[in-house]
Amino acid sequence: MFSHDNARPHVTRFCTQFLEAENVQVLPWPAYSPDMSPIEHVWDALDRHV
C-alpha cells in the first residue's frame, strides 16, 4: 500500500502507470482535503498571525 497527497508530481501519467505496472495499491486521497492534512491548519493560523 502506498499513500500520496495528490500533488501534481505524484499523479502524473508516468507515476500512475508505474505504480499500476508494479501492482502497487494506492490509498484514495481526496484532492484539496485540508481536514486530512493537519499541517494546513497550522499554515493558515501562521499566515493570519504574521
PDB file of N, CA and C in Angstrom:
ATOM      1  N   MET A   1       0.841  -1.190   0.000  1.00  0.00           N
ATOM      2  CA  MET A   1       0.000   0.000   0.000  1.00  0.00           C
ATOM      3  C   MET A   1       0.880   1.245   0.000  1.00  0.00           C
ATOM      4  N   PHE A   2       0.430   2.223  -0.738  1.00  0.00           N
ATOM      5  CA  PHE A   2       1.171   3.479  -0.867  1.00  0.00           C
ATOM      6  C   PHE A   2       0.184   4.623  -0.710  1.00  0.00           C
ATOM      7  N   SER A   3       0.632   5.664  -0.079  1.00  0.00           N
ATOM      8  CA  SER A   3      -0.212   6.838   0.094  1.00  0.00           C
ATOM      9  C   SER A   3       0.552   8.066  -0.366  1.00  0.00           C
ATOM     10  N   HIS A   4      -0.107   8.903  -1.133  1.00  0.00           N
ATOM     11  CA  HIS A   4       0.473  10.184  -1.511  1.00  0.00           C
ATOM     12  C   HIS A   4      -0.621  11.231  -1.443  1.00  0.00           C
ATOM     13  N   ASP A   5      -0.251  12.483  -1.598  1.00  0.00           N
ATOM     14  CA  ASP A   5      -1.172  13.587  -1.321  1.00  0.00           C
ATOM     15  C   ASP A   5      -1.795  14.217  -2.564  1.00  0.00           C
ATOM     16  N   ASN A   6      -1.772  13.514  -3.684  1.00  0.00           N
ATOM     17  CA  ASN A   6      -2.344  14.028  -4.926  1.00  0.00           C
ATOM     18  C   ASN A   6      -1.647  15.274  -5.453  1.00  0.00           C
ATOM     19  N   ALA A   7      -0.420  15.513  -5.030  1.00  0.00           N
ATOM     20  CA  ALA A   7       0.353  16.614  -5.604  1.00  0.00           C
ATOM     21  C   ALA A   7       0.607  16.297  -7.076  1.00  0.00           C
ATOM     22  N   ARG A   8       0.725  17.298  -7.898  1.00  0.00           N
ATOM     23  CA  ARG A   8       0.874  17.076  -9.344  1.00  0.00           C
ATOM     24  C   ARG A   8       1.975  16.076  -9.703  1.00  0.00           C
ATOM     25  N   PRO A   9       3.171  16.171  -9.097  1.00  0.00           N
ATOM     26  CA  PRO A   9       4.209  15.188  -9.461  1.00  0.00           C
ATOM     27  C   PRO A   9       3.820  13.750  -9.112  1.00  0.00           C
ATOM     28  N   HIS A  10       2.938  13.585  -8.138  1.00  0.00           N
ATOM     29  CA  HIS A  10       2.561  12.242  -7.702  1.00  0.00           C
ATOM     30  C   HIS A  10       1.465  11.616  -8.558  1.00  0.00           C
ATOM     31  N   VAL A  11       0.719  12.407  -9.283  1.00  0.00           N
ATOM     32  CA  VAL A  11      -0.400  11.874 -10.058  1.00  0.00           C
ATOM     33  C   VAL A  11      -0.200  12.026 -11.567  1.00  0.00           C
ATOM     34  N   THR A  12       1.038  12.222 -11.980  1.00  0.00           N
ATOM     35  CA  THR A  12       1.304  12.281 -13.410  1.00  0.00           C
ATOM     36  C   THR A  12       1.035  10.924 -14.037  1.00  0.00           C
ATOM     37  N   ARG A  13       0.822  10.932 -15.327  1.00  0.00           N
ATOM     38  CA  ARG A  13       0.555   9.674 -16.032  1.00  0.00           C
ATOM     39  C   ARG A  13       1.712   8.701 -15.836  1.00  0.00           C
ATOM     40  N   PHE A  14       2.948   9.207 -15.859  1.00  0.00           N
ATOM     41  CA  PHE A  14       4.123   8.348 -15.688  1.00  0.00           C
ATOM     42  C   PHE A  14       4.095   7.631 -14.336  1.00  0.00           C
ATOM     43  N   CYS A  15       3.859   8.399 -13.269  1.00  0.00           N
ATOM     44  CA  CYS A  15       3.826   7.805 -11.927  1.00  0.00           C
ATOM     45  C   CYS A  15       2.667   6.830 -11.780  1.00  0.00           C
ATOM     46  N   THR A  16       1.509   7.213 -12.281  1.00  0.00           N
ATOM     47  CA  THR A  16       0.338   6.354 -12.189  1.00  0.00           C
ATOM     48  C   THR A  16       0.572   5.039 -12.932  1.00  0.00           C
ATOM     49  N   GLN A  17       1.116   5.122 -14.141  1.00  0.00           N
ATOM     50  CA  GLN A  17       1.385   3.917 -14.916  1.00  0.00           C
ATOM     51  C   GLN A  17       2.442   3.042 -14.249  1.00  0.00           C
ATOM     52  N   PHE A  18       3.457   3.664 -13.665  1.00  0.00           N
ATOM     53  CA  PHE A  18       4.493   2.904 -12.978  1.00  0.00           C
ATOM     54  C   PHE A  18       3.905   2.136 -11.795  1.00  0.00           C
ATOM     55  N   LEU A  19       3.113   2.820 -10.980  1.00  0.00           N
ATOM     56  CA  LEU A  19       2.515   2.154  -9.817  1.00  0.00           C
ATOM     57  C   LEU A  19       1.599   1.018 -10.247  1.00  0.00           C
ATOM     58  N   GLU A  20       0.832   1.217 -11.310  1.00  0.00           N
ATOM     59  CA  GLU A  20      -0.043   0.155 -11.817  1.00  0.00           C
ATOM     60  C   GLU A  20       0.781  -1.012 -12.350  1.00  0.00           C
ATOM     61  N   ALA A  21       1.853  -0.741 -13.069  1.00  0.00           N
ATOM     62  CA  ALA A  21       2.698  -1.800 -13.619  1.00  0.00           C
ATOM     63  C   ALA A  21       3.357  -2.624 -12.524  1.00  0.00           C
ATOM     64  N   GLU A  22       3.665  -1.981 -11.410  1.00  0.00           N
ATOM     65  CA  GLU A  22       4.300  -2.673 -10.287  1.00  0.00           C
ATOM     66  C   GLU A  22       3.277  -3.249  -9.309  1.00  0.00           C
ATOM     67  N   ASN A  23       1.998  -3.142  -9.658  1.00  0.00           N
ATOM     68  CA  ASN A  23       0.902  -3.650  -8.813  1.00  0.00           C
ATOM     69  C   ASN A  23       0.929  -3.062  -7.402  1.00  0.00           C
ATOM     70  N   VAL A  24       1.204  -1.768  -7.326  1.00  0.00           N
ATOM     71  CA  VAL A  24       1.220  -1.068  -6.046  1.00  0.00           C
ATOM     72  C   VAL A  24      -0.153  -0.458  -5.816  1.00  0.00           C
ATOM     73  N   GLN A  25      -0.783  -0.819  -4.712  1.00  0.00           N
ATOM     74  CA  GLN A  25      -2.076  -0.242  -4.368  1.00  0.00           C
ATOM     75  C   GLN A  25      -1.865   1.149  -3.794  1.00  0.00           C
ATOM     76  N   VAL A  26      -2.683   2.080  -4.227  1.00  0.00           N
ATOM     77  CA  VAL A  26      -2.596   3.456  -3.746  1.00  0.00           C
ATOM     78  C   VAL A  26      -3.871   3.761  -2.961  1.00  0.00           C
ATOM     79  N   LEU A  27      -3.695   4.260  -1.757  1.00  0.00           N
ATOM     80  CA  LEU A  27      -4.845   4.622  -0.950  1.00  0.00           C
ATOM     81  C   LEU A  27      -5.544   5.825  -1.555  1.00  0.00           C
ATOM     82  N   PRO A  28      -6.864   5.828  -1.559  1.00  0.00           N
ATOM     83  CA  PRO A  28      -7.571   7.000  -2.080  1.00  0.00           C
ATOM     84  C   PRO A  28      -7.348   8.216  -1.179  1.00  0.00           C
ATOM     85  N   TRP A  29      -7.145   9.345  -1.782  1.00  0.00           N
ATOM     86  CA  TRP A  29      -6.910  10.582  -1.025  1.00  0.00           C
ATOM     87  C   TRP A  29      -7.602  11.705  -1.765  1.00  0.00           C
ATOM     88  N   PRO A  30      -8.638  12.298  -1.184  1.00  0.00           N
ATOM     89  CA  PRO A  30      -9.356  13.380  -1.873  1.00  0.00           C
ATOM     90  C   PRO A  30      -8.441  14.576  -2.151  1.00  0.00           C
ATOM     91  N   ALA A  31      -8.562  15.125  -3.328  1.00  0.00           N
ATOM     92  CA  ALA A  31      -7.764  16.305  -3.670  1.00  0.00           C
ATOM     93  C   ALA A  31      -8.208  17.504  -2.843  1.00  0.00           C
ATOM     94  N   TYR A  32      -7.260  18.284  -2.416  1.00  0.00           N
ATOM     95  CA  TYR A  32      -7.536  19.510  -1.652  1.00  0.00           C
ATOM     96  C   TYR A  32      -8.390  19.242  -0.422  1.00  0.00           C
ATOM     97  N   SER A  33      -7.975  18.299   0.388  1.00  0.00           N
ATOM     98  CA  SER A  33      -8.720  17.957   1.599  1.00  0.00           C
ATOM     99  C   SER A  33      -7.942  18.415   2.828  1.00  0.00           C
ATOM    100  N   PRO A  34      -8.173  19.640   3.292  1.00  0.00           N
ATOM    101  CA  PRO A  34      -7.403  20.144   4.435  1.00  0.00           C
ATOM    102  C   PRO A  34      -7.681  19.382   5.721  1.00  0.00           C
ATOM    103  N   ASP A  35      -8.840  18.756   5.843  1.00  0.00           N
ATOM    104  CA  ASP A  35      -9.133  18.009   7.057  1.00  0.00           C
ATOM    105  C   ASP A  35      -8.254  16.774   7.180  1.00  0.00           C
ATOM    106  N   MET A  36      -7.665  16.308   6.085  1.00  0.00           N
ATOM    107  CA  MET A  36      -6.792  15.142   6.133  1.00  0.00           C
ATOM    108  C   MET A  36      -5.333  15.546   6.305  1.00  0.00           C
ATOM    109  N   SER A  37      -5.065  16.827   6.262  1.00  0.00           N
ATOM    110  CA  SER A  37      -3.701  17.310   6.408  1.00  0.00           C
ATOM    111  C   SER A  37      -3.681  18.369   7.511  1.00  0.00           C
ATOM    112  N   PRO A  38      -3.412  17.968   8.749  1.00  0.00           N
ATOM    113  CA  PRO A  38      -3.460  18.929   9.863  1.00  0.00           C
ATOM    114  C   PRO A  38      -2.481  20.088   9.726  1.00  0.00           C
ATOM    115  N   ILE A  39      -1.389  19.914   9.001  1.00  0.00           N
ATOM    116  CA  ILE A  39      -0.420  20.994   8.867  1.00  0.00           C
ATOM    117  C   ILE A  39      -1.018  22.191   8.136  1.00  0.00           C
ATOM    118  N   GLU A  40      -2.014  21.951   7.279  1.00  0.00           N
ATOM    119  CA  GLU A  40      -2.650  23.050   6.566  1.00  0.00           C
ATOM    120  C   GLU A  40      -3.288  24.044   7.534  1.00  0.00           C
ATOM    121  N   HIS A  41      -3.845  23.557   8.629  1.00  0.00           N
ATOM    122  CA  HIS A  41      -4.437  24.440   9.630  1.00  0.00           C
ATOM    123  C   HIS A  41      -3.362  25.284  10.317  1.00  0.00           C
ATOM    124  N   VAL A  42      -2.200  24.687  10.524  1.00  0.00           N
ATOM    125  CA  VAL A  42      -1.092  25.409  11.155  1.00  0.00           C
ATOM    126  C   VAL A  42      -0.612  26.531  10.240  1.00  0.00           C
ATOM    127  N   TRP A  43      -0.451  26.225   8.941  1.00  0.00           N
ATOM    128  CA  TRP A  43      -0.005  27.253   7.994  1.00  0.00           C
ATOM    129  C   TRP A  43      -1.012  28.392   7.921  1.00  0.00           C
ATOM    130  N   ASP A  44      -2.302  28.066   7.944  1.00  0.00           N
ATOM    131  CA  ASP A  44      -3.338  29.092   7.895  1.00  0.00           C
ATOM    132  C   ASP A  44      -3.266  30.002   9.123  1.00  0.00           C
ATOM    133  N   ALA A  45      -3.116  29.399  10.294  1.00  0.00           N
ATOM    134  CA  ALA A  45      -3.030  30.182  11.526  1.00  0.00           C
ATOM    135  C   ALA A  45      -1.772  31.060  11.526  1.00  0.00           C
ATOM    136  N   LEU A  46      -0.665  30.506  11.048  1.00  0.00           N
ATOM    137  CA  LEU A  46       0.577  31.272  10.999  1.00  0.00           C
ATOM    138  C   LEU A  46       0.434  32.447  10.015  1.00  0.00           C
ATOM    139  N   ASP A  47      -0.180  32.189   8.886  1.00  0.00           N
ATOM    140  CA  ASP A  47      -0.379  33.257   7.893  1.00  0.00           C
ATOM    141  C   ASP A  47      -1.225  34.387   8.461  1.00  0.00           C
ATOM    142  N   ARG A  48      -2.252  34.044   9.179  1.00  0.00           N
ATOM    143  CA  ARG A  48      -3.103  35.075   9.786  1.00  0.00           C
ATOM    144  C   ARG A  48      -2.383  35.862  10.867  1.00  0.00           C
ATOM    145  N   HIS A  49      -1.508  35.199  11.591  1.00  0.00           N
ATOM    146  CA  HIS A  49      -0.782  35.853  12.685  1.00  0.00           C
ATOM    147  C   HIS A  49       0.280  36.804  12.135  1.00  0.00           C
ATOM    148  N   VAL A  50       0.945  36.404  11.085  1.00  0.00           N
ATOM    149  CA  VAL A  50       2.036  37.204  10.514  1.00  0.00           C
ATOM    150  C   VAL A  50       1.406  38.235   9.620  1.00  0.00           C
TER     151      VAL A  50
END
